[in-house]
C-alpha cells in the first residue's frame, strides 16, 4: 500500500514512516519544506518519496494524493507562531486534507493523530482545536481511525531531551503550577506501530484509541526518571501557577517576534499540566499487538549506559 504521510518529516512522522516500511508499505511524505535535512534523509530511503505540500494550501494537495492508497495525518503543533495557530493547523488543515481525499473518489482509509485529553469542554485551546479536527474526521464518510497519544518520548523528542539538556547546565528543573497533573508517557515506536498496523486492520475502522504507556506519572516523577537515566542529580522547584502564567505569556509574546519560533512554554500547556491526562492502553495493545514499554526502559534506550549519551 502507498501511504501519504503528512508531518512525516517530524519526530513522530519519521518513526511512522519507518514502521510503514517495516510492514511492507511505501510512503509519500508531504513536507512544507522538502529541502530540510530530515526530509532529504527520508527521501534517500527506499520506498519513500517526499513531495512539497501544505495542508493549509488546498491547491497543493491533489498532486500529493495522486498515487496514494491511504492517508496518515500527523501534522500538529503544540505552540502557536504567527499564522500557525491551533485552529488553522488542527481544524482547518484537517478539513482541507479531508476534502482533498474525498475528491479523489478512491481513497478510503484515513488515520488521524489527535491527543489524549481531547474533548469538547477542554479548558485548553489546543485540545479544543483537536476536538474540532476529530469531529471533521468522524463526519468525513471515510474509513477513519483516530489515535489519542499521551506524551510521546523517544530519540529526537522535544520534551525529554529538553529537560535532559537543561540538566546539563541548570542545578534546578522547574515544575510549573501545582504539580498534581499526571501523564502516561508512551514510546514513539509504540505509536508508530499502532499507525502502521491499523492500516490493514478492519476492526480499527470507526474507532478512537488511546495510545498511552503503562504508568501514570506526575511531572516530578517524569523528571526523576530523566535525571536517573542521565546520571545526574538536580533540585526540582515548583513555580506557582500565577507566576508560571506570567512567564508563559511573556514567552508567547517574545519568542515568535524575536526568534520567529514558537514559545517553549505557553499558557495552554500550563492548563494541560494541571489535568489528570490518562487513558486505557489495553484496547490498542490487544488489537494491534503493541509492545509495552515502561518509561524507564525507554529512557535507557535513549541514554545508554548511565547517561553517557545524554544531551
C-alpha atoms as a PDB file:
ATOM      1  CA  UNK A   1       0.000   0.000   0.000  1.00  0.00           C
ATOM      2  CA  UNK A   2       1.250   3.506  -0.806  1.00  0.00           C
ATOM      3  CA  UNK A   3       0.513   5.860   2.102  1.00  0.00           C
ATOM      4  CA  UNK A   4       0.541   9.657   2.115  1.00  0.00           C
ATOM      5  CA  UNK A   5       2.004  10.776   5.455  1.00  0.00           C
ATOM      6  CA  UNK A   6       1.502  14.387   6.481  1.00  0.00           C
ATOM      7  CA  UNK A   7       4.051  15.570   9.019  1.00  0.00           C
ATOM      8  CA  UNK A   8       6.244  12.651   8.007  1.00  0.00           C
ATOM      9  CA  UNK A   9       9.486  14.583   8.462  1.00  0.00           C
ATOM     10  CA  UNK A  10       8.759  15.341  12.119  1.00  0.00           C
ATOM     11  CA  UNK A  11       9.663  13.405  15.251  1.00  0.00           C
ATOM     12  CA  UNK A  12       6.629  11.107  15.214  1.00  0.00           C
ATOM     13  CA  UNK A  13       6.399  11.102  11.427  1.00  0.00           C
ATOM     14  CA  UNK A  14       9.876   9.678  10.907  1.00  0.00           C
ATOM     15  CA  UNK A  15       9.061   6.788  13.245  1.00  0.00           C
ATOM     16  CA  UNK A  16       5.735   6.162  11.498  1.00  0.00           C
ATOM     17  CA  UNK A  17       7.411   6.123   8.078  1.00  0.00           C
ATOM     18  CA  UNK A  18       9.947   3.577   9.354  1.00  0.00           C
ATOM     19  CA  UNK A  19       7.128   1.416  10.744  1.00  0.00           C
ATOM     20  CA  UNK A  20       5.226   1.612   7.451  1.00  0.00           C
ATOM     21  CA  UNK A  21       8.291   0.399   5.567  1.00  0.00           C
ATOM     22  CA  UNK A  22       8.716  -2.470   8.028  1.00  0.00           C
ATOM     23  CA  UNK A  23       5.109  -3.502   7.345  1.00  0.00           C
ATOM     24  CA  UNK A  24       5.820  -3.579   3.605  1.00  0.00           C
ATOM     25  CA  UNK A  25       4.171  -0.277   2.650  1.00  0.00           C
ATOM     26  CA  UNK A  26       5.541   2.669   0.679  1.00  0.00           C
ATOM     27  CA  UNK A  27       5.401   6.236   1.981  1.00  0.00           C
ATOM     28  CA  UNK A  28       4.754   9.533   0.250  1.00  0.00           C
ATOM     29  CA  UNK A  29       5.781  12.236   2.728  1.00  0.00           C
ATOM     30  CA  UNK A  30       4.068  15.621   2.459  1.00  0.00           C
ATOM     31  CA  UNK A  31       6.508  18.325   3.559  1.00  0.00           C
ATOM     32  CA  UNK A  32       6.210  22.096   3.595  1.00  0.00           C
ATOM     33  CA  UNK A  33       9.977  22.283   3.127  1.00  0.00           C
ATOM     34  CA  UNK A  34      11.303  19.253   1.245  1.00  0.00           C
ATOM     35  CA  UNK A  35      14.856  20.635   1.417  1.00  0.00           C
ATOM     36  CA  UNK A  36      15.300  20.228   5.186  1.00  0.00           C
ATOM     37  CA  UNK A  37      17.879  17.669   6.377  1.00  0.00           C
ATOM     38  CA  UNK A  38      15.136  15.461   7.838  1.00  0.00           C
ATOM     39  CA  UNK A  39      13.165  15.470   4.581  1.00  0.00           C
ATOM     40  CA  UNK A  40      16.262  14.786   2.490  1.00  0.00           C
ATOM     41  CA  UNK A  41      17.218  11.875   4.749  1.00  0.00           C
ATOM     42  CA  UNK A  42      13.751  10.384   4.304  1.00  0.00           C
ATOM     43  CA  UNK A  43      13.860  10.871   0.542  1.00  0.00           C
ATOM     44  CA  UNK A  44      17.071   8.837   0.387  1.00  0.00           C
ATOM     45  CA  UNK A  45      15.333   5.739   1.777  1.00  0.00           C
ATOM     46  CA  UNK A  46      13.984   3.026  -0.480  1.00  0.00           C
ATOM     47  CA  UNK A  47      10.210   3.129  -0.587  1.00  0.00           C
ATOM     48  CA  UNK A  48       9.936   6.810   0.380  1.00  0.00           C
ATOM     49  CA  UNK A  49       9.112   9.811  -1.794  1.00  0.00           C
ATOM     50  CA  UNK A  50       8.973  13.357  -0.429  1.00  0.00           C
ATOM     51  CA  UNK A  51       6.589  15.817  -2.085  1.00  0.00           C
ATOM     52  CA  UNK A  52       6.084  19.530  -1.473  1.00  0.00           C
ATOM     53  CA  UNK A  53       2.748  20.495   0.017  1.00  0.00           C
ATOM     54  CA  UNK A  54       0.957  22.177   2.891  1.00  0.00           C
ATOM     55  CA  UNK A  55      -2.378  21.246   4.446  1.00  0.00           C
ATOM     56  CA  UNK A  56      -3.102  24.982   4.709  1.00  0.00           C
ATOM     57  CA  UNK A  57      -2.701  25.269   0.922  1.00  0.00           C
ATOM     58  CA  UNK A  58      -5.514  23.152  -0.566  1.00  0.00           C
ATOM     59  CA  UNK A  59      -4.157  23.569  -4.103  1.00  0.00           C
ATOM     60  CA  UNK A  60      -1.000  21.647  -3.140  1.00  0.00           C
ATOM     61  CA  UNK A  61      -2.847  18.513  -2.010  1.00  0.00           C
ATOM     62  CA  UNK A  62      -4.362  16.843  -5.118  1.00  0.00           C
ATOM     63  CA  UNK A  63      -0.992  16.140  -6.743  1.00  0.00           C
ATOM     64  CA  UNK A  64       0.366  14.696  -3.477  1.00  0.00           C
ATOM     65  CA  UNK A  65      -2.593  12.301  -3.305  1.00  0.00           C
ATOM     66  CA  UNK A  66      -2.372  11.104  -6.916  1.00  0.00           C
ATOM     67  CA  UNK A  67      -0.601   7.836  -6.170  1.00  0.00           C
ATOM     68  CA  UNK A  68      -1.768   7.301  -2.572  1.00  0.00           C
ATOM     69  CA  UNK A  69      -3.962   4.433  -1.397  1.00  0.00           C
ATOM     70  CA  UNK A  70      -4.381   5.700   2.185  1.00  0.00           C
ATOM     71  CA  UNK A  71      -3.562   8.708   4.358  1.00  0.00           C
ATOM     72  CA  UNK A  72      -1.868   9.014   7.746  1.00  0.00           C
ATOM     73  CA  UNK A  73      -2.385  12.546   9.064  1.00  0.00           C
ATOM     74  CA  UNK A  74       0.224  13.536  11.662  1.00  0.00           C
ATOM     75  CA  UNK A  75       0.505  17.317  11.339  1.00  0.00           C
ATOM     76  CA  UNK A  76       0.147  19.135  14.640  1.00  0.00           C
ATOM     77  CA  UNK A  77       1.649  21.915  16.729  1.00  0.00           C
ATOM     78  CA  UNK A  78       1.969  22.325  20.497  1.00  0.00           C
ATOM     79  CA  UNK A  79       2.639  26.077  20.410  1.00  0.00           C
ATOM     80  CA  UNK A  80       1.399  28.813  18.106  1.00  0.00           C
ATOM     81  CA  UNK A  81       3.575  31.082  15.969  1.00  0.00           C
ATOM     82  CA  UNK A  82       2.247  33.662  13.527  1.00  0.00           C
ATOM     83  CA  UNK A  83      -0.312  32.125  11.176  1.00  0.00           C
ATOM     84  CA  UNK A  84       0.432  28.668  12.561  1.00  0.00           C
ATOM     85  CA  UNK A  85      -2.404  28.705  15.098  1.00  0.00           C
ATOM     86  CA  UNK A  86      -4.071  25.718  16.749  1.00  0.00           C
ATOM     87  CA  UNK A  87      -7.338  26.337  14.923  1.00  0.00           C
ATOM     88  CA  UNK A  88      -5.766  26.791  11.495  1.00  0.00           C
ATOM     89  CA  UNK A  89      -3.375  23.838  11.689  1.00  0.00           C
ATOM     90  CA  UNK A  90      -5.588  21.334  13.511  1.00  0.00           C
ATOM     91  CA  UNK A  91      -9.123  22.152  12.390  1.00  0.00           C
ATOM     92  CA  UNK A  92      -8.768  23.981   9.069  1.00  0.00           C
ATOM     93  CA  UNK A  93      -5.782  21.954   7.843  1.00  0.00           C
ATOM     94  CA  UNK A  94      -7.565  18.691   8.607  1.00  0.00           C
ATOM     95  CA  UNK A  95     -10.681  19.892   6.790  1.00  0.00           C
ATOM     96  CA  UNK A  96      -8.597  20.789   3.729  1.00  0.00           C
ATOM     97  CA  UNK A  97      -6.979  17.356   3.710  1.00  0.00           C
ATOM     98  CA  UNK A  98     -10.270  15.501   4.171  1.00  0.00           C
ATOM     99  CA  UNK A  99     -11.835  17.423   1.297  1.00  0.00           C
ATOM    100  CA  UNK A 100      -8.886  16.622  -0.973  1.00  0.00           C
ATOM    101  CA  UNK A 101      -9.077  12.933  -0.027  1.00  0.00           C
ATOM    102  CA  UNK A 102     -12.811  12.772  -0.732  1.00  0.00           C
ATOM    103  CA  UNK A 103     -12.306  14.465  -4.093  1.00  0.00           C
ATOM    104  CA  UNK A 104     -10.056  11.621  -5.241  1.00  0.00           C
ATOM    105  CA  UNK A 105     -13.121   9.377  -5.172  1.00  0.00           C
ATOM    106  CA  UNK A 106     -10.998   6.316  -4.418  1.00  0.00           C
ATOM    107  CA  UNK A 107      -9.013   6.800  -1.166  1.00  0.00           C
ATOM    108  CA  UNK A 108     -10.970   5.421   1.787  1.00  0.00           C
ATOM    109  CA  UNK A 109      -8.510   4.809   4.631  1.00  0.00           C
ATOM    110  CA  UNK A 110      -7.685   7.811   6.821  1.00  0.00           C
ATOM    111  CA  UNK A 111      -5.744   7.529  10.089  1.00  0.00           C
ATOM    112  CA  UNK A 112      -5.586  10.638  12.233  1.00  0.00           C
ATOM    113  CA  UNK A 113      -3.446  11.710  15.181  1.00  0.00           C
ATOM    114  CA  UNK A 114      -5.231  13.601  17.941  1.00  0.00           C
ATOM    115  CA  UNK A 115      -4.202  13.974  21.588  1.00  0.00           C
ATOM    116  CA  UNK A 116      -5.096  12.454  24.925  1.00  0.00           C
ATOM    117  CA  UNK A 117      -7.454  14.744  26.810  1.00  0.00           C
ATOM    118  CA  UNK A 118      -9.261  15.928  23.679  1.00  0.00           C
ATOM    119  CA  UNK A 119     -12.917  16.710  24.409  1.00  0.00           C
ATOM    120  CA  UNK A 120     -15.449  19.436  23.614  1.00  0.00           C
ATOM    121  CA  UNK A 121     -15.266  21.066  27.064  1.00  0.00           C
ATOM    122  CA  UNK A 122     -11.462  21.025  27.378  1.00  0.00           C
ATOM    123  CA  UNK A 123     -10.005  24.159  29.014  1.00  0.00           C
ATOM    124  CA  UNK A 124      -7.130  24.482  26.532  1.00  0.00           C
ATOM    125  CA  UNK A 125      -7.470  25.856  23.012  1.00  0.00           C
ATOM    126  CA  UNK A 126      -5.086  23.105  21.899  1.00  0.00           C
ATOM    127  CA  UNK A 127      -7.495  20.359  22.936  1.00  0.00           C
ATOM    128  CA  UNK A 128     -10.491  22.298  21.633  1.00  0.00           C
ATOM    129  CA  UNK A 129      -8.887  22.506  18.182  1.00  0.00           C
ATOM    130  CA  UNK A 130      -8.045  18.810  18.320  1.00  0.00           C
ATOM    131  CA  UNK A 131     -11.690  18.041  19.116  1.00  0.00           C
ATOM    132  CA  UNK A 132     -12.838  20.089  16.119  1.00  0.00           C
ATOM    133  CA  UNK A 133     -10.439  18.116  13.911  1.00  0.00           C
ATOM    134  CA  UNK A 134     -11.705  14.808  15.320  1.00  0.00           C
ATOM    135  CA  UNK A 135     -15.284  15.793  14.578  1.00  0.00           C
ATOM    136  CA  UNK A 136     -14.367  16.628  10.989  1.00  0.00           C
ATOM    137  CA  UNK A 137     -12.749  13.206  10.601  1.00  0.00           C
ATOM    138  CA  UNK A 138     -15.782  11.421  12.064  1.00  0.00           C
ATOM    139  CA  UNK A 139     -18.108  13.281   9.687  1.00  0.00           C
ATOM    140  CA  UNK A 140     -15.933  12.664   6.615  1.00  0.00           C
ATOM    141  CA  UNK A 141     -17.570   9.462   5.409  1.00  0.00           C
ATOM    142  CA  UNK A 142     -14.123   7.858   5.129  1.00  0.00           C
ATOM    143  CA  UNK A 143     -12.852   4.692   6.820  1.00  0.00           C
ATOM    144  CA  UNK A 144     -11.225   6.527   9.693  1.00  0.00           C
ATOM    145  CA  UNK A 145      -9.293   5.657  12.827  1.00  0.00           C
ATOM    146  CA  UNK A 146      -8.288   8.221  15.450  1.00  0.00           C
ATOM    147  CA  UNK A 147      -5.377   7.808  17.865  1.00  0.00           C
ATOM    148  CA  UNK A 148      -5.020   9.894  21.019  1.00  0.00           C
ATOM    149  CA  UNK A 149      -1.442   9.622  22.296  1.00  0.00           C
ATOM    150  CA  UNK A 150      -0.193  10.878  25.627  1.00  0.00           C
ATOM    151  CA  UNK A 151       3.246  12.480  25.927  1.00  0.00           C
ATOM    152  CA  UNK A 152       5.344  10.773  23.222  1.00  0.00           C
ATOM    153  CA  UNK A 153       9.003  10.220  24.025  1.00  0.00           C
ATOM    154  CA  UNK A 154      11.960   8.858  22.121  1.00  0.00           C
ATOM    155  CA  UNK A 155      15.144   9.890  20.293  1.00  0.00           C
ATOM    156  CA  UNK A 156      14.690  13.416  18.971  1.00  0.00           C
ATOM    157  CA  UNK A 157      11.658  14.359  21.061  1.00  0.00           C
ATOM    158  CA  UNK A 158      11.204  17.909  22.332  1.00  0.00           C
ATOM    159  CA  UNK A 159      10.234  17.070  25.913  1.00  0.00           C
ATOM    160  CA  UNK A 160      12.583  14.532  27.459  1.00  0.00           C
ATOM    161  CA  UNK A 161      15.556  15.893  25.543  1.00  0.00           C
ATOM    162  CA  UNK A 162      14.772  19.479  26.537  1.00  0.00           C
ATOM    163  CA  UNK A 163      14.883  18.619  30.246  1.00  0.00           C
ATOM    164  CA  UNK A 164      17.940  16.421  29.733  1.00  0.00           C
ATOM    165  CA  UNK A 165      19.758  19.327  28.065  1.00  0.00           C
ATOM    166  CA  UNK A 166      18.609  21.725  30.780  1.00  0.00           C
ATOM    167  CA  UNK A 167      20.006  19.415  33.446  1.00  0.00           C
ATOM    168  CA  UNK A 168      23.489  19.779  31.941  1.00  0.00           C
ATOM    169  CA  UNK A 169      23.793  23.421  32.973  1.00  0.00           C
ATOM    170  CA  UNK A 170      20.998  24.156  35.451  1.00  0.00           C
ATOM    171  CA  UNK A 171      21.033  22.972  39.081  1.00  0.00           C
ATOM    172  CA  UNK A 172      17.227  23.354  39.138  1.00  0.00           C
ATOM    173  CA  UNK A 173      14.456  21.892  36.986  1.00  0.00           C
ATOM    174  CA  UNK A 174      11.138  23.782  37.103  1.00  0.00           C
ATOM    175  CA  UNK A 175       7.712  22.298  37.798  1.00  0.00           C
ATOM    176  CA  UNK A 176       5.104  24.876  36.741  1.00  0.00           C
ATOM    177  CA  UNK A 177       1.821  25.054  38.634  1.00  0.00           C
ATOM    178  CA  UNK A 178       0.554  22.660  41.273  1.00  0.00           C
ATOM    179  CA  UNK A 179       2.483  19.641  40.004  1.00  0.00           C
ATOM    180  CA  UNK A 180      -0.564  17.425  40.574  1.00  0.00           C
ATOM    181  CA  UNK A 181      -1.335  16.739  36.904  1.00  0.00           C
ATOM    182  CA  UNK A 182      -0.419  13.322  35.534  1.00  0.00           C
ATOM    183  CA  UNK A 183       0.569  11.796  32.190  1.00  0.00           C
ATOM    184  CA  UNK A 184       1.226   8.330  30.759  1.00  0.00           C
ATOM    185  CA  UNK A 185       4.336   8.704  28.577  1.00  0.00           C
ATOM    186  CA  UNK A 186       4.283   6.440  25.526  1.00  0.00           C
ATOM    187  CA  UNK A 187       7.291   5.381  23.447  1.00  0.00           C
ATOM    188  CA  UNK A 188       7.374   6.686  19.882  1.00  0.00           C
ATOM    189  CA  UNK A 189       7.929   3.190  18.480  1.00  0.00           C
ATOM    190  CA  UNK A 190       4.663   2.058  20.096  1.00  0.00           C
ATOM    191  CA  UNK A 191       2.798   4.962  18.492  1.00  0.00           C
ATOM    192  CA  UNK A 192       4.399   4.254  15.121  1.00  0.00           C
ATOM    193  CA  UNK A 193       3.497   0.568  15.250  1.00  0.00           C
ATOM    194  CA  UNK A 194      -0.133   1.412  16.007  1.00  0.00           C
ATOM    195  CA  UNK A 195      -0.434   3.647  12.951  1.00  0.00           C
ATOM    196  CA  UNK A 196       1.260   1.166  10.632  1.00  0.00           C
ATOM    197  CA  UNK A 197      -0.753  -1.836  11.817  1.00  0.00           C
ATOM    198  CA  UNK A 198      -4.080   0.000  11.827  1.00  0.00           C
ATOM    199  CA  UNK A 199      -3.909   0.465   8.059  1.00  0.00           C
ATOM    200  CA  UNK A 200      -4.830  -3.140   7.349  1.00  0.00           C
ATOM    201  CA  UNK A 201      -6.911  -3.831  10.464  1.00  0.00           C
ATOM    202  CA  UNK A 202     -10.615  -3.572   9.553  1.00  0.00           C
ATOM    203  CA  UNK A 203     -11.634  -3.779  13.232  1.00  0.00           C
ATOM    204  CA  UNK A 204      -9.969  -0.387  13.778  1.00  0.00           C
ATOM    205  CA  UNK A 205     -12.261   1.450  11.357  1.00  0.00           C
ATOM    206  CA  UNK A 206     -14.577   3.955  13.010  1.00  0.00           C
ATOM    207  CA  UNK A 207     -12.826   3.720  16.385  1.00  0.00           C
ATOM    208  CA  UNK A 208     -10.828   6.044  18.631  1.00  0.00           C
ATOM    209  CA  UNK A 209      -7.915   4.620  20.627  1.00  0.00           C
ATOM    210  CA  UNK A 210      -5.812   5.959  23.493  1.00  0.00           C
ATOM    211  CA  UNK A 211      -2.084   5.457  22.963  1.00  0.00           C
ATOM    212  CA  UNK A 212      -0.578   5.594  26.441  1.00  0.00           C
ATOM    213  CA  UNK A 213       2.182   3.997  28.422  1.00  0.00           C
ATOM    214  CA  UNK A 214       1.622   1.610  31.346  1.00  0.00           C
ATOM    215  CA  UNK A 215       2.448   4.167  34.073  1.00  0.00           C
ATOM    216  CA  UNK A 216       0.638   7.269  35.312  1.00  0.00           C
ATOM    217  CA  UNK A 217       3.193   9.848  36.484  1.00  0.00           C
ATOM    218  CA  UNK A 218       3.405  13.423  37.684  1.00  0.00           C
ATOM    219  CA  UNK A 219       5.878  15.810  36.077  1.00  0.00           C
ATOM    220  CA  UNK A 220       8.121  15.472  39.144  1.00  0.00           C
ATOM    221  CA  UNK A 221       8.236  11.690  38.702  1.00  0.00           C
ATOM    222  CA  UNK A 222       8.972  12.090  34.999  1.00  0.00           C
ATOM    223  CA  UNK A 223      11.870  14.435  35.812  1.00  0.00           C
ATOM    224  CA  UNK A 224      13.210  11.951  38.381  1.00  0.00           C
ATOM    225  CA  UNK A 225      13.317   9.263  35.688  1.00  0.00           C
ATOM    226  CA  UNK A 226      15.061  11.588  33.217  1.00  0.00           C
ATOM    227  CA  UNK A 227      17.690  12.589  35.766  1.00  0.00           C
ATOM    228  CA  UNK A 228      18.301   8.958  36.728  1.00  0.00           C
ATOM    229  CA  UNK A 229      18.737   7.995  33.075  1.00  0.00           C
ATOM    230  CA  UNK A 230      21.199  10.860  32.583  1.00  0.00           C
ATOM    231  CA  UNK A 231      23.100  10.014  35.763  1.00  0.00           C
ATOM    232  CA  UNK A 232      22.504  13.453  37.299  1.00  0.00           C
ATOM    233  CA  UNK A 233      21.058  14.923  40.474  1.00  0.00           C
ATOM    234  CA  UNK A 234      19.207  18.222  40.392  1.00  0.00           C
ATOM    235  CA  UNK A 235      16.742  20.114  42.562  1.00  0.00           C
ATOM    236  CA  UNK A 236      13.162  20.434  41.408  1.00  0.00           C
ATOM    237  CA  UNK A 237      11.464  23.771  42.030  1.00  0.00           C
ATOM    238  CA  UNK A 238       7.711  24.306  41.843  1.00  0.00           C
ATOM    239  CA  UNK A 239       6.755  27.567  40.125  1.00  0.00           C
ATOM    240  CA  UNK A 240       3.420  28.890  41.492  1.00  0.00           C
ATOM    241  CA  UNK A 241       0.651  28.966  38.911  1.00  0.00           C
ATOM    242  CA  UNK A 242       0.238  32.778  38.682  1.00  0.00           C
ATOM    243  CA  UNK A 243       3.982  33.290  38.213  1.00  0.00           C
ATOM    244  CA  UNK A 244       4.175  30.467  35.658  1.00  0.00           C
ATOM    245  CA  UNK A 245       1.327  32.025  33.667  1.00  0.00           C
ATOM    246  CA  UNK A 246       3.084  35.399  33.596  1.00  0.00           C
ATOM    247  CA  UNK A 247       6.296  33.750  32.398  1.00  0.00           C
ATOM    248  CA  UNK A 248       4.410  31.806  29.732  1.00  0.00           C
ATOM    249  CA  UNK A 249       2.613  34.934  28.495  1.00  0.00           C
ATOM    250  CA  UNK A 250       5.934  36.746  28.132  1.00  0.00           C
ATOM    251  CA  UNK A 251       7.436  33.821  26.219  1.00  0.00           C
ATOM    252  CA  UNK A 252       4.377  33.634  23.953  1.00  0.00           C
ATOM    253  CA  UNK A 253       4.875  37.292  23.046  1.00  0.00           C
ATOM    254  CA  UNK A 254       8.673  37.345  22.754  1.00  0.00           C
ATOM    255  CA  UNK A 255       9.614  34.092  21.033  1.00  0.00           C
ATOM    256  CA  UNK A 256       7.637  34.490  17.770  1.00  0.00           C
ATOM    257  CA  UNK A 257       8.649  38.147  17.430  1.00  0.00           C
ATOM    258  CA  UNK A 258      12.330  37.906  18.287  1.00  0.00           C
ATOM    259  CA  UNK A 259      13.228  34.358  17.234  1.00  0.00           C
ATOM    260  CA  UNK A 260      10.421  33.603  14.738  1.00  0.00           C
ATOM    261  CA  UNK A 261       9.834  30.380  16.656  1.00  0.00           C
ATOM    262  CA  UNK A 262       7.045  29.035  18.880  1.00  0.00           C
ATOM    263  CA  UNK A 263       7.469  29.677  22.590  1.00  0.00           C
ATOM    264  CA  UNK A 264       8.978  26.781  24.591  1.00  0.00           C
ATOM    265  CA  UNK A 265       6.165  27.192  27.149  1.00  0.00           C
ATOM    266  CA  UNK A 266       2.676  28.601  26.736  1.00  0.00           C
ATOM    267  CA  UNK A 267      -0.435  29.080  28.859  1.00  0.00           C
ATOM    268  CA  UNK A 268      -2.242  26.253  27.088  1.00  0.00           C
ATOM    269  CA  UNK A 269       0.465  23.837  28.179  1.00  0.00           C
ATOM    270  CA  UNK A 270       0.117  25.051  31.760  1.00  0.00           C
ATOM    271  CA  UNK A 271      -3.596  24.235  31.654  1.00  0.00           C
ATOM    272  CA  UNK A 272      -2.852  20.736  30.365  1.00  0.00           C
ATOM    273  CA  UNK A 273      -0.186  20.158  33.019  1.00  0.00           C
ATOM    274  CA  UNK A 274      -2.866  20.623  35.685  1.00  0.00           C
ATOM    275  CA  UNK A 275      -5.068  17.806  34.350  1.00  0.00           C
ATOM    276  CA  UNK A 276      -5.144  14.105  35.106  1.00  0.00           C
ATOM    277  CA  UNK A 277      -4.461  13.208  31.485  1.00  0.00           C
ATOM    278  CA  UNK A 278      -4.704   9.419  31.392  1.00  0.00           C
ATOM    279  CA  UNK A 279      -6.220   6.685  29.265  1.00  0.00           C
ATOM    280  CA  UNK A 280      -6.625   2.940  28.831  1.00  0.00           C
ATOM    281  CA  UNK A 281      -3.785   1.271  26.886  1.00  0.00           C
ATOM    282  CA  UNK A 282      -5.451  -2.144  26.618  1.00  0.00           C
ATOM    283  CA  UNK A 283      -7.699  -1.776  23.530  1.00  0.00           C
ATOM    284  CA  UNK A 284      -4.826  -0.647  21.293  1.00  0.00           C
ATOM    285  CA  UNK A 285      -2.368  -3.161  22.755  1.00  0.00           C
ATOM    286  CA  UNK A 286      -4.766  -6.050  22.243  1.00  0.00           C
ATOM    287  CA  UNK A 287      -5.929  -5.154  18.727  1.00  0.00           C
ATOM    288  CA  UNK A 288      -2.569  -4.164  17.240  1.00  0.00           C
ATOM    289  CA  UNK A 289      -0.245  -6.371  19.290  1.00  0.00           C
ATOM    290  CA  UNK A 290       1.713  -3.388  20.586  1.00  0.00           C
ATOM    291  CA  UNK A 291       4.730  -3.769  22.866  1.00  0.00           C
ATOM    292  CA  UNK A 292       4.523  -2.453  26.425  1.00  0.00           C
ATOM    293  CA  UNK A 293       7.471  -0.146  27.106  1.00  0.00           C
ATOM    294  CA  UNK A 294       7.878   1.388  30.529  1.00  0.00           C
ATOM    295  CA  UNK A 295       9.232   4.929  30.748  1.00  0.00           C
ATOM    296  CA  UNK A 296      12.497   3.978  32.467  1.00  0.00           C
ATOM    297  CA  UNK A 297      13.062   1.218  29.909  1.00  0.00           C
ATOM    298  CA  UNK A 298      12.623   3.653  27.027  1.00  0.00           C
ATOM    299  CA  UNK A 299      14.947   6.180  28.644  1.00  0.00           C
ATOM    300  CA  UNK A 300      17.677   3.556  28.984  1.00  0.00           C
ATOM    301  CA  UNK A 301      17.489   3.092  25.223  1.00  0.00           C
ATOM    302  CA  UNK A 302      17.755   6.855  24.712  1.00  0.00           C
ATOM    303  CA  UNK A 303      20.649   7.394  27.136  1.00  0.00           C
ATOM    304  CA  UNK A 304      22.746   4.201  27.435  1.00  0.00           C
ATOM    305  CA  UNK A 305      24.530   3.421  29.698  1.00  0.00           C
ATOM    306  CA  UNK A 306      24.122   5.597  32.797  1.00  0.00           C
ATOM    307  CA  UNK A 307      23.517   8.674  30.696  1.00  0.00           C
ATOM    308  CA  UNK A 308      26.698   8.571  28.591  1.00  0.00           C
ATOM    309  CA  UNK A 309      24.702   9.699  25.542  1.00  0.00           C
ATOM    310  CA  UNK A 310      22.589  12.250  27.398  1.00  0.00           C
ATOM    311  CA  UNK A 311      22.296  15.620  25.660  1.00  0.00           C
END
